[in-house]
Amino acid sequence: MENNSWLELAEQTLNYGVMGILILMSIVSLWLFIERMMYFGNVRISDYETKDELELDLGDNLSTIATIGSNAPYVGLLGTVIGIMIT
């Protein structure tokens, strides 16, 4: 009986952990997306002397969004695998 309750606790903890990570990744992605859209709407190309400076400023946070987007499916898969192993 005690072993069953431990498994239920582990299952709930892991479910909340995986979902928490996915929700956090979603919030960060949305926040960075909104920040980039606000920046793109207000950028003045005439303020930049070189094309390289403009490209650096336009590319800020895009790698973070790409990293989160490419890793989110693996976190979801991890949750699926852990759920299968527990049940």
N, C-alpha and C. Protein backbone atom coordinates (compact mmCIF):
# COMPACT_ATOMS: atom_id res chain seq x y z
N MET A 1 0.82 -1.20 0.00
CA MET A 1 0.00 0.00 0.00
C MET A 1 0.86 1.26 0.00
N GLU A 2 1.93 1.23 0.80
CA GLU A 2 2.81 2.39 0.90
C GLU A 2 3.57 2.63 -0.41
N ASN A 3 3.94 1.54 -1.09
CA ASN A 3 4.65 1.65 -2.35
C ASN A 3 3.78 2.34 -3.40
N ASN A 4 2.49 2.04 -3.42
CA ASN A 4 1.56 2.64 -4.38
C ASN A 4 1.44 4.15 -4.15
N SER A 5 1.38 4.57 -2.90
CA SER A 5 1.27 6.00 -2.63
C SER A 5 2.55 6.74 -3.02
N TRP A 6 3.69 6.08 -2.89
CA TRP A 6 4.95 6.70 -3.29
C TRP A 6 4.96 6.91 -4.80
N LEU A 7 4.47 5.92 -5.55
CA LEU A 7 4.42 6.05 -7.01
C LEU A 7 3.46 7.16 -7.43
N GLU A 8 2.34 7.27 -6.75
CA GLU A 8 1.40 8.35 -7.07
C GLU A 8 2.01 9.71 -6.80
N LEU A 9 2.73 9.83 -5.69
CA LEU A 9 3.41 11.08 -5.36
C LEU A 9 4.48 11.41 -6.40
N ALA A 10 5.26 10.40 -6.80
CA ALA A 10 6.29 10.61 -7.82
C ALA A 10 5.68 11.01 -9.15
N GLU A 11 4.57 10.37 -9.51
CA GLU A 11 3.91 10.69 -10.78
C GLU A 11 3.39 12.12 -10.78
N GLN A 12 2.74 12.53 -9.71
CA GLN A 12 2.22 13.89 -9.64
C GLN A 12 3.35 14.92 -9.63
N THR A 13 4.41 14.64 -8.89
CA THR A 13 5.53 15.56 -8.82
C THR A 13 6.19 15.73 -10.19
N LEU A 14 6.41 14.62 -10.88
CA LEU A 14 7.03 14.70 -12.20
C LEU A 14 6.12 15.36 -13.21
N ASN A 15 4.81 15.09 -13.13
CA ASN A 15 3.87 15.75 -14.04
C ASN A 15 3.89 17.26 -13.85
N TYR A 16 3.82 17.69 -12.59
CA TYR A 16 3.85 19.12 -12.32
C TYR A 16 5.20 19.72 -12.70
N GLY A 17 6.27 18.97 -12.51
CA GLY A 17 7.60 19.47 -12.87
C GLY A 17 7.75 19.70 -14.36
N VAL A 18 7.35 18.70 -15.14
CA VAL A 18 7.45 18.82 -16.60
C VAL A 18 6.52 19.91 -17.11
N MET A 19 5.29 19.93 -16.62
CA MET A 19 4.36 20.97 -17.06
C MET A 19 4.84 22.36 -16.62
N GLY A 20 5.41 22.44 -15.43
CA GLY A 20 5.94 23.72 -14.96
C GLY A 20 7.05 24.24 -15.85
N ILE A 21 7.95 23.33 -16.26
CA ILE A 21 9.04 23.73 -17.16
C ILE A 21 8.47 24.19 -18.49
N LEU A 22 7.50 23.46 -19.03
CA LEU A 22 6.91 23.85 -20.32
C LEU A 22 6.17 25.18 -20.22
N ILE A 23 5.47 25.41 -19.12
CA ILE A 23 4.77 26.68 -18.94
C ILE A 23 5.77 27.82 -18.81
N LEU A 24 6.84 27.59 -18.06
CA LEU A 24 7.88 28.62 -17.92
C LEU A 24 8.51 28.94 -19.27
N MET A 25 8.81 27.91 -20.05
CA MET A 25 9.38 28.13 -21.38
C MET A 25 8.41 28.91 -22.27
N SER A 26 7.13 28.62 -22.15
CA SER A 26 6.12 29.34 -22.95
C SER A 26 6.04 30.80 -22.56
N ILE A 27 6.07 31.07 -21.26
CA ILE A 27 6.00 32.46 -20.78
C ILE A 27 7.22 33.25 -21.23
N VAL A 28 8.40 32.65 -21.10
CA VAL A 28 9.63 33.34 -21.52
C VAL A 28 9.61 33.59 -23.02
N SER A 29 9.18 32.61 -23.80
CA SER A 29 9.11 32.78 -25.26
C SER A 29 8.15 33.89 -25.64
N LEU A 30 6.98 33.90 -25.01
CA LEU A 30 6.00 34.94 -25.31
C LEU A 30 6.52 36.31 -24.92
N TRP A 31 7.17 36.40 -23.76
CA TRP A 31 7.74 37.67 -23.30
C TRP A 31 8.80 38.18 -24.28
N LEU A 32 9.70 37.30 -24.71
CA LEU A 32 10.74 37.71 -25.66
C LEU A 32 10.15 38.06 -27.01
N PHE A 33 9.12 37.35 -27.44
CA PHE A 33 8.46 37.66 -28.70
C PHE A 33 7.83 39.05 -28.66
N ILE A 34 7.13 39.35 -27.59
CA ILE A 34 6.50 40.67 -27.45
C ILE A 34 7.57 41.76 -27.40
N GLU A 35 8.66 41.50 -26.68
CA GLU A 35 9.75 42.48 -26.60
C GLU A 35 10.35 42.74 -27.98
N ARG A 36 10.55 41.68 -28.76
CA ARG A 36 11.12 41.84 -30.10
C ARG A 36 10.15 42.60 -31.01
N MET A 37 8.87 42.32 -30.94
CA MET A 37 7.90 43.01 -31.78
C MET A 37 7.84 44.50 -31.42
N MET A 38 7.91 44.82 -30.14
CA MET A 38 7.92 46.23 -29.73
C MET A 38 9.19 46.91 -30.23
N TYR A 39 10.32 46.20 -30.16
CA TYR A 39 11.58 46.77 -30.63
C TYR A 39 11.54 46.97 -32.15
N PHE A 40 11.07 45.96 -32.88
CA PHE A 40 11.01 46.08 -34.34
C PHE A 40 10.10 47.22 -34.77
N GLY A 41 9.07 47.48 -34.01
CA GLY A 41 8.16 48.58 -34.34
C GLY A 41 8.77 49.95 -34.11
N ASN A 42 9.75 50.03 -33.20
CA ASN A 42 10.32 51.33 -32.85
C ASN A 42 11.72 51.56 -33.38
N VAL A 43 12.31 50.60 -34.06
CA VAL A 43 13.69 50.75 -34.52
C VAL A 43 13.76 51.76 -35.66
N ARG A 44 14.79 52.58 -35.60
CA ARG A 44 15.05 53.54 -36.67
C ARG A 44 16.38 53.17 -37.32
N ILE A 45 16.31 52.80 -38.56
CA ILE A 45 17.51 52.36 -39.27
C ILE A 45 18.51 53.51 -39.40
N SER A 46 18.02 54.72 -39.46
CA SER A 46 18.92 55.87 -39.62
C SER A 46 19.79 56.11 -38.39
N ASP A 47 19.44 55.52 -37.23
CA ASP A 47 20.25 55.69 -36.02
C ASP A 47 21.53 54.86 -36.05
N TYR A 48 21.64 53.95 -36.98
CA TYR A 48 22.80 53.04 -37.03
C TYR A 48 23.76 53.49 -38.12
N GLU A 49 25.04 53.44 -37.76
CA GLU A 49 26.07 53.85 -38.72
C GLU A 49 26.46 52.70 -39.64
N THR A 50 26.46 51.49 -39.12
CA THR A 50 26.86 50.35 -39.94
C THR A 50 25.76 49.29 -39.93
N LYS A 51 25.82 48.46 -40.94
CA LYS A 51 24.86 47.37 -41.06
C LYS A 51 25.08 46.33 -39.95
N ASP A 52 26.33 46.14 -39.55
CA ASP A 52 26.64 45.15 -38.50
C ASP A 52 26.00 45.52 -37.17
N GLU A 53 26.03 46.79 -36.81
CA GLU A 53 25.40 47.23 -35.55
C GLU A 53 23.90 46.97 -35.59
N LEU A 54 23.29 47.25 -36.72
CA LEU A 54 21.85 47.02 -36.88
C LEU A 54 21.53 45.53 -36.77
N GLU A 55 22.33 44.69 -37.43
CA GLU A 55 22.09 43.25 -37.38
C GLU A 55 22.24 42.71 -35.97
N LEU A 56 23.20 43.21 -35.20
CA LEU A 56 23.38 42.77 -33.82
C LEU A 56 22.17 43.13 -32.97
N ASP A 57 21.68 44.34 -33.12
CA ASP A 57 20.52 44.76 -32.33
C ASP A 57 19.24 44.04 -32.76
N LEU A 58 19.10 43.78 -34.04
CA LEU A 58 17.90 43.08 -34.51
C LEU A 58 17.90 41.61 -34.09
N GLY A 59 19.07 41.04 -33.89
CA GLY A 59 19.18 39.62 -33.55
C GLY A 59 19.15 39.32 -32.07
N ASP A 60 19.06 40.35 -31.21
CA ASP A 60 19.02 40.11 -29.77
C ASP A 60 17.84 39.22 -29.40
N ASN A 61 18.09 38.25 -28.54
CA ASN A 61 17.09 37.33 -27.98
C ASN A 61 16.50 36.35 -28.99
N LEU A 62 16.85 36.45 -30.25
CA LEU A 62 16.30 35.50 -31.22
C LEU A 62 16.87 34.10 -31.01
N SER A 63 18.13 34.01 -30.60
CA SER A 63 18.71 32.70 -30.35
C SER A 63 18.07 32.04 -29.13
N THR A 64 17.67 32.84 -28.15
CA THR A 64 16.98 32.29 -26.97
C THR A 64 15.62 31.73 -27.37
N ILE A 65 14.90 32.46 -28.19
CA ILE A 65 13.60 31.98 -28.66
C ILE A 65 13.77 30.69 -29.47
N ALA A 66 14.79 30.64 -30.31
CA ALA A 66 15.04 29.45 -31.12
C ALA A 66 15.43 28.26 -30.25
N THR A 67 16.23 28.50 -29.23
CA THR A 67 16.64 27.42 -28.32
C THR A 67 15.44 26.86 -27.57
N ILE A 68 14.60 27.73 -27.07
CA ILE A 68 13.40 27.27 -26.36
C ILE A 68 12.49 26.50 -27.31
N GLY A 69 12.31 27.01 -28.51
CA GLY A 69 11.45 26.35 -29.48
C GLY A 69 11.96 24.98 -29.91
N SER A 70 13.27 24.84 -29.98
CA SER A 70 13.80 23.54 -30.40
C SER A 70 13.86 22.54 -29.26
N ASN A 71 13.90 23.00 -28.02
CA ASN A 71 14.00 22.08 -26.88
C ASN A 71 12.66 21.72 -26.25
N ALA A 72 11.62 22.50 -26.49
CA ALA A 72 10.31 22.23 -25.89
C ALA A 72 9.76 20.85 -26.26
N PRO A 73 9.88 20.39 -27.51
CA PRO A 73 9.37 19.04 -27.81
C PRO A 73 10.09 17.95 -27.02
N TYR A 74 11.37 18.15 -26.75
CA TYR A 74 12.12 17.14 -25.99
C TYR A 74 11.68 17.11 -24.53
N VAL A 75 11.33 18.25 -23.98
CA VAL A 75 10.82 18.28 -22.61
C VAL A 75 9.47 17.57 -22.55
N GLY A 76 8.63 17.80 -23.54
CA GLY A 76 7.35 17.09 -23.61
C GLY A 76 7.54 15.60 -23.77
N LEU A 77 8.49 15.20 -24.59
CA LEU A 77 8.79 13.78 -24.77
C LEU A 77 9.31 13.18 -23.47
N LEU A 78 10.12 13.92 -22.74
CA LEU A 78 10.61 13.45 -21.44
C LEU A 78 9.45 13.19 -20.50
N GLY A 79 8.48 14.08 -20.48
CA GLY A 79 7.30 13.88 -19.64
C GLY A 79 6.52 12.64 -20.04
N THR A 80 6.42 12.40 -21.34
CA THR A 80 5.72 11.21 -21.82
C THR A 80 6.44 9.94 -21.41
N VAL A 81 7.75 9.92 -21.59
CA VAL A 81 8.54 8.74 -21.25
C VAL A 81 8.49 8.47 -19.75
N ILE A 82 8.62 9.51 -18.95
CA ILE A 82 8.55 9.33 -17.49
C ILE A 82 7.17 8.84 -17.09
N GLY A 83 6.13 9.39 -17.70
CA GLY A 83 4.77 8.93 -17.40
C GLY A 83 4.56 7.47 -17.75
N ILE A 84 5.13 7.03 -18.86
CA ILE A 84 5.01 5.62 -19.25
C ILE A 84 5.79 4.74 -18.28
N MET A 85 6.96 5.18 -17.87
CA MET A 85 7.77 4.38 -16.95
C MET A 85 7.11 4.24 -15.58
N ILE A 86 6.41 5.26 -15.13
CA ILE A 86 5.79 5.22 -13.81
C ILE A 86 4.54 4.35 -13.82
N THR A 87 3.79 4.36 -14.93
CA THR A 87 2.54 3.59 -14.95
C THR A 87 2.75 2.15 -15.33
